[in-house]
Amino acid sequence: MGSGFSKMKKKQKAMQAQMAEIQKDMENKEIVGTSEGELVKVTLTGTKSFKNIDIDPSCVDPEDIEGLQDLIGSAFKNAEKQADETMGMDSMGPMF
């Protein structure tokens, strides 16, 4: 009985180490989301922490702030979606 429990504990420790490594990798991964026409680019880490925003000057119109806000929102949502997809494929795929 002891050997089965010991194997389970070792397997649990290995999985915890693997999850810690995946978390570290995701924190270092950069994901770039773009708006339509790539006028705005938002960079997040794999854990969805904001890193950077790049705005093409051609889309900055003081008369159309709402348009720029929409582009930023779109780029951010795109980056979040990519982060979710990356996290699902990279972290869970090999385990199952």
N, C-alpha and C. Protein backbone atom coordinates (compact mmCIF):
# COMPACT_ATOMS: atom_id res chain seq x y z
N MET A 1 0.81 -1.19 0.00
CA MET A 1 0.00 0.00 0.00
C MET A 1 0.85 1.25 0.00
N GLY A 2 1.94 1.22 0.74
CA GLY A 2 2.80 2.40 0.82
C GLY A 2 3.40 2.78 -0.51
N SER A 3 3.72 1.83 -1.33
CA SER A 3 4.37 2.13 -2.60
C SER A 3 3.42 2.84 -3.56
N GLY A 4 2.13 2.50 -3.54
CA GLY A 4 1.15 3.17 -4.38
C GLY A 4 0.98 4.63 -3.98
N PHE A 5 0.95 4.88 -2.68
CA PHE A 5 0.82 6.24 -2.17
C PHE A 5 2.08 7.04 -2.51
N SER A 6 3.21 6.41 -2.39
CA SER A 6 4.48 7.07 -2.70
C SER A 6 4.54 7.47 -4.18
N LYS A 7 4.09 6.59 -5.04
CA LYS A 7 4.07 6.89 -6.48
C LYS A 7 3.13 8.06 -6.76
N MET A 8 1.98 8.06 -6.07
CA MET A 8 1.02 9.14 -6.27
C MET A 8 1.61 10.48 -5.83
N LYS A 9 2.32 10.49 -4.71
CA LYS A 9 2.94 11.72 -4.21
C LYS A 9 4.00 12.22 -5.19
N LYS A 10 4.80 11.31 -5.73
CA LYS A 10 5.82 11.69 -6.71
C LYS A 10 5.17 12.27 -7.97
N LYS A 11 4.09 11.64 -8.41
CA LYS A 11 3.38 12.11 -9.60
C LYS A 11 2.78 13.50 -9.34
N GLN A 12 2.25 13.70 -8.13
CA GLN A 12 1.69 15.00 -7.78
C GLN A 12 2.77 16.07 -7.78
N LYS A 13 3.92 15.78 -7.21
CA LYS A 13 5.04 16.74 -7.18
C LYS A 13 5.51 17.06 -8.60
N ALA A 14 5.56 16.06 -9.45
CA ALA A 14 5.98 16.28 -10.84
C ALA A 14 4.98 17.18 -11.56
N MET A 15 3.68 16.97 -11.32
CA MET A 15 2.66 17.80 -11.95
C MET A 15 2.74 19.24 -11.44
N GLN A 16 3.00 19.41 -10.13
CA GLN A 16 3.13 20.75 -9.57
C GLN A 16 4.34 21.46 -10.18
N ALA A 17 5.42 20.75 -10.35
CA ALA A 17 6.60 21.34 -10.97
C ALA A 17 6.32 21.72 -12.42
N GLN A 18 5.60 20.86 -13.12
CA GLN A 18 5.24 21.13 -14.52
C GLN A 18 4.34 22.37 -14.59
N MET A 19 3.37 22.48 -13.70
CA MET A 19 2.47 23.64 -13.70
C MET A 19 3.24 24.93 -13.38
N ALA A 20 4.19 24.87 -12.47
CA ALA A 20 5.00 26.04 -12.15
C ALA A 20 5.82 26.47 -13.36
N GLU A 21 6.35 25.51 -14.10
CA GLU A 21 7.13 25.80 -15.30
C GLU A 21 6.24 26.42 -16.38
N ILE A 22 5.03 25.88 -16.53
CA ILE A 22 4.09 26.42 -17.51
C ILE A 22 3.74 27.85 -17.15
N GLN A 23 3.48 28.12 -15.87
CA GLN A 23 3.15 29.48 -15.42
C GLN A 23 4.29 30.44 -15.73
N LYS A 24 5.52 30.01 -15.47
CA LYS A 24 6.69 30.84 -15.75
C LYS A 24 6.80 31.13 -17.25
N ASP A 25 6.59 30.09 -18.06
CA ASP A 25 6.65 30.27 -19.51
C ASP A 25 5.59 31.24 -20.00
N MET A 26 4.39 31.14 -19.45
CA MET A 26 3.30 32.01 -19.86
C MET A 26 3.57 33.47 -19.47
N GLU A 27 4.21 33.68 -18.34
CA GLU A 27 4.54 35.04 -17.91
C GLU A 27 5.56 35.68 -18.85
N ASN A 28 6.41 34.87 -19.45
CA ASN A 28 7.44 35.37 -20.35
C ASN A 28 6.99 35.46 -21.80
N LYS A 29 5.88 34.83 -22.12
CA LYS A 29 5.38 34.82 -23.50
C LYS A 29 4.72 36.17 -23.81
N GLU A 30 4.96 36.67 -25.01
CA GLU A 30 4.32 37.91 -25.46
C GLU A 30 3.29 37.59 -26.53
N ILE A 31 2.10 38.16 -26.36
CA ILE A 31 1.02 37.95 -27.31
C ILE A 31 0.57 39.32 -27.80
N VAL A 32 0.53 39.48 -29.12
CA VAL A 32 0.16 40.75 -29.71
C VAL A 32 -1.22 40.61 -30.35
N GLY A 33 -2.14 41.45 -29.89
CA GLY A 33 -3.46 41.51 -30.49
C GLY A 33 -3.56 42.76 -31.34
N THR A 34 -4.27 42.66 -32.45
CA THR A 34 -4.36 43.81 -33.35
C THR A 34 -5.82 44.16 -33.62
N SER A 35 -6.03 45.42 -33.93
CA SER A 35 -7.34 45.87 -34.36
C SER A 35 -7.45 45.65 -35.86
N GLU A 36 -8.62 45.91 -36.39
CA GLU A 36 -8.81 45.82 -37.83
C GLU A 36 -7.83 46.78 -38.51
N GLY A 37 -7.17 46.32 -39.52
CA GLY A 37 -6.20 47.14 -40.23
C GLY A 37 -4.88 47.30 -39.49
N GLU A 38 -4.75 46.62 -38.36
CA GLU A 38 -3.53 46.66 -37.54
C GLU A 38 -3.11 48.09 -37.19
N LEU A 39 -4.10 48.97 -36.99
CA LEU A 39 -3.79 50.35 -36.61
C LEU A 39 -3.42 50.45 -35.14
N VAL A 40 -3.92 49.52 -34.34
CA VAL A 40 -3.59 49.48 -32.92
C VAL A 40 -3.13 48.07 -32.59
N LYS A 41 -2.02 47.98 -31.85
CA LYS A 41 -1.49 46.68 -31.42
C LYS A 41 -1.34 46.72 -29.90
N VAL A 42 -1.86 45.70 -29.25
CA VAL A 42 -1.76 45.57 -27.80
C VAL A 42 -0.94 44.33 -27.50
N THR A 43 0.06 44.49 -26.64
CA THR A 43 0.89 43.35 -26.24
C THR A 43 0.58 42.98 -24.81
N LEU A 44 0.27 41.70 -24.60
CA LEU A 44 0.02 41.15 -23.28
C LEU A 44 1.01 40.02 -23.03
N THR A 45 1.17 39.66 -21.77
CA THR A 45 1.90 38.44 -21.47
C THR A 45 0.92 37.28 -21.62
N GLY A 46 1.42 36.08 -21.57
CA GLY A 46 0.55 34.90 -21.66
C GLY A 46 -0.43 34.81 -20.51
N THR A 47 -0.17 35.52 -19.43
CA THR A 47 -1.08 35.54 -18.29
C THR A 47 -1.98 36.77 -18.34
N LYS A 48 -2.03 37.43 -19.48
CA LYS A 48 -2.90 38.57 -19.77
C LYS A 48 -2.52 39.86 -19.03
N SER A 49 -1.29 39.97 -18.61
CA SER A 49 -0.84 41.23 -18.03
C SER A 49 -0.48 42.18 -19.18
N PHE A 50 -0.93 43.42 -19.05
CA PHE A 50 -0.66 44.43 -20.08
C PHE A 50 0.83 44.71 -20.14
N LYS A 51 1.35 44.80 -21.35
CA LYS A 51 2.77 45.07 -21.54
C LYS A 51 3.01 46.34 -22.36
N ASN A 52 2.27 46.50 -23.47
CA ASN A 52 2.54 47.63 -24.36
C ASN A 52 1.34 47.89 -25.26
N ILE A 53 1.28 49.11 -25.76
CA ILE A 53 0.30 49.46 -26.78
C ILE A 53 1.01 50.29 -27.84
N ASP A 54 0.71 50.00 -29.10
CA ASP A 54 1.30 50.72 -30.22
C ASP A 54 0.15 51.24 -31.07
N ILE A 55 0.10 52.57 -31.26
CA ILE A 55 -0.97 53.20 -32.02
C ILE A 55 -0.39 53.87 -33.25
N ASP A 56 -0.89 53.48 -34.41
CA ASP A 56 -0.46 54.10 -35.66
C ASP A 56 -0.97 55.55 -35.66
N PRO A 57 -0.07 56.52 -35.81
CA PRO A 57 -0.49 57.93 -35.79
C PRO A 57 -1.58 58.28 -36.80
N SER A 58 -1.68 57.53 -37.88
CA SER A 58 -2.68 57.85 -38.89
C SER A 58 -4.11 57.65 -38.38
N CYS A 59 -4.29 56.91 -37.31
CA CYS A 59 -5.66 56.67 -36.82
C CYS A 59 -6.03 57.62 -35.67
N VAL A 60 -5.14 58.54 -35.33
CA VAL A 60 -5.43 59.48 -34.25
C VAL A 60 -6.08 60.72 -34.85
N ASP A 61 -7.37 60.84 -34.57
CA ASP A 61 -8.16 61.97 -35.05
C ASP A 61 -8.86 62.59 -33.85
N PRO A 62 -8.47 63.81 -33.47
CA PRO A 62 -9.09 64.44 -32.29
C PRO A 62 -10.61 64.55 -32.41
N GLU A 63 -11.12 64.50 -33.62
CA GLU A 63 -12.57 64.59 -33.83
C GLU A 63 -13.26 63.22 -33.68
N ASP A 64 -12.45 62.16 -33.59
CA ASP A 64 -13.03 60.81 -33.52
C ASP A 64 -12.35 59.98 -32.43
N ILE A 65 -12.44 60.44 -31.20
CA ILE A 65 -11.84 59.71 -30.08
C ILE A 65 -12.53 58.36 -29.90
N GLU A 66 -13.83 58.29 -30.13
CA GLU A 66 -14.55 57.02 -29.99
C GLU A 66 -14.02 55.96 -30.95
N GLY A 67 -13.64 56.38 -32.14
CA GLY A 67 -13.08 55.44 -33.11
C GLY A 67 -11.78 54.84 -32.60
N LEU A 68 -10.93 55.68 -32.03
CA LEU A 68 -9.66 55.20 -31.46
C LEU A 68 -9.92 54.28 -30.27
N GLN A 69 -10.88 54.63 -29.45
CA GLN A 69 -11.23 53.78 -28.31
C GLN A 69 -11.70 52.41 -28.79
N ASP A 70 -12.49 52.39 -29.84
CA ASP A 70 -12.96 51.12 -30.41
C ASP A 70 -11.79 50.27 -30.91
N LEU A 71 -10.83 50.92 -31.58
CA LEU A 71 -9.66 50.19 -32.09
C LEU A 71 -8.85 49.59 -30.94
N ILE A 72 -8.67 50.37 -29.87
CA ILE A 72 -7.92 49.88 -28.71
C ILE A 72 -8.65 48.70 -28.08
N GLY A 73 -9.95 48.84 -27.91
CA GLY A 73 -10.74 47.74 -27.34
C GLY A 73 -10.66 46.48 -28.19
N SER A 74 -10.74 46.66 -29.48
CA SER A 74 -10.68 45.54 -30.41
C SER A 74 -9.32 44.83 -30.31
N ALA A 75 -8.25 45.59 -30.29
CA ALA A 75 -6.91 45.01 -30.19
C ALA A 75 -6.73 44.28 -28.86
N PHE A 76 -7.25 44.86 -27.80
CA PHE A 76 -7.13 44.23 -26.48
C PHE A 76 -7.91 42.91 -26.45
N LYS A 77 -9.13 42.91 -26.97
CA LYS A 77 -9.92 41.68 -27.00
C LYS A 77 -9.25 40.61 -27.85
N ASN A 78 -8.64 41.02 -28.95
CA ASN A 78 -7.92 40.08 -29.81
C ASN A 78 -6.74 39.46 -29.07
N ALA A 79 -6.01 40.29 -28.32
CA ALA A 79 -4.87 39.78 -27.54
C ALA A 79 -5.34 38.82 -26.45
N GLU A 80 -6.44 39.16 -25.77
CA GLU A 80 -6.97 38.28 -24.73
C GLU A 80 -7.38 36.93 -25.32
N LYS A 81 -8.04 36.97 -26.46
CA LYS A 81 -8.46 35.72 -27.11
C LYS A 81 -7.25 34.86 -27.45
N GLN A 82 -6.21 35.50 -27.99
CA GLN A 82 -5.00 34.75 -28.34
C GLN A 82 -4.34 34.18 -27.08
N ALA A 83 -4.34 34.95 -26.00
CA ALA A 83 -3.76 34.47 -24.74
C ALA A 83 -4.53 33.25 -24.24
N ASP A 84 -5.86 33.31 -24.30
CA ASP A 84 -6.67 32.16 -23.88
C ASP A 84 -6.36 30.94 -24.72
N GLU A 85 -6.27 31.13 -26.04
CA GLU A 85 -5.99 30.01 -26.94
C GLU A 85 -4.60 29.45 -26.67
N THR A 86 -3.63 30.34 -26.47
CA THR A 86 -2.25 29.90 -26.22
C THR A 86 -2.17 29.16 -24.89
N MET A 87 -2.81 29.70 -23.88
CA MET A 87 -2.77 29.09 -22.56
C MET A 87 -3.42 27.71 -22.61
N GLY A 88 -4.52 27.58 -23.34
CA GLY A 88 -5.19 26.30 -23.44
C GLY A 88 -4.38 25.27 -24.18
N MET A 89 -3.75 25.69 -25.27
CA MET A 89 -2.97 24.75 -26.07
C MET A 89 -1.65 24.41 -25.40
N ASP A 90 -0.94 25.43 -24.90
CA ASP A 90 0.38 25.19 -24.35
C ASP A 90 0.35 24.51 -22.98
N SER A 91 -0.58 24.92 -22.13
CA SER A 91 -0.53 24.43 -20.77
C SER A 91 -1.28 23.12 -20.58
N MET A 92 -2.42 22.97 -21.20
CA MET A 92 -3.22 21.79 -20.93
C MET A 92 -3.01 20.68 -21.96
N GLY A 93 -2.66 21.04 -23.17
CA GLY A 93 -2.51 20.06 -24.21
C GLY A 93 -1.63 18.87 -23.88
N PRO A 94 -0.38 19.10 -23.48
CA PRO A 94 0.52 17.97 -23.23
C PRO A 94 0.12 17.11 -22.04
N MET A 95 -0.69 17.66 -21.13
CA MET A 95 -1.01 16.92 -19.91
C MET A 95 -2.11 15.90 -20.14
N PHE A 96 -2.98 16.13 -21.13
CA PHE A 96 -4.13 15.27 -21.30
C PHE A 96 -4.05 14.44 -22.55
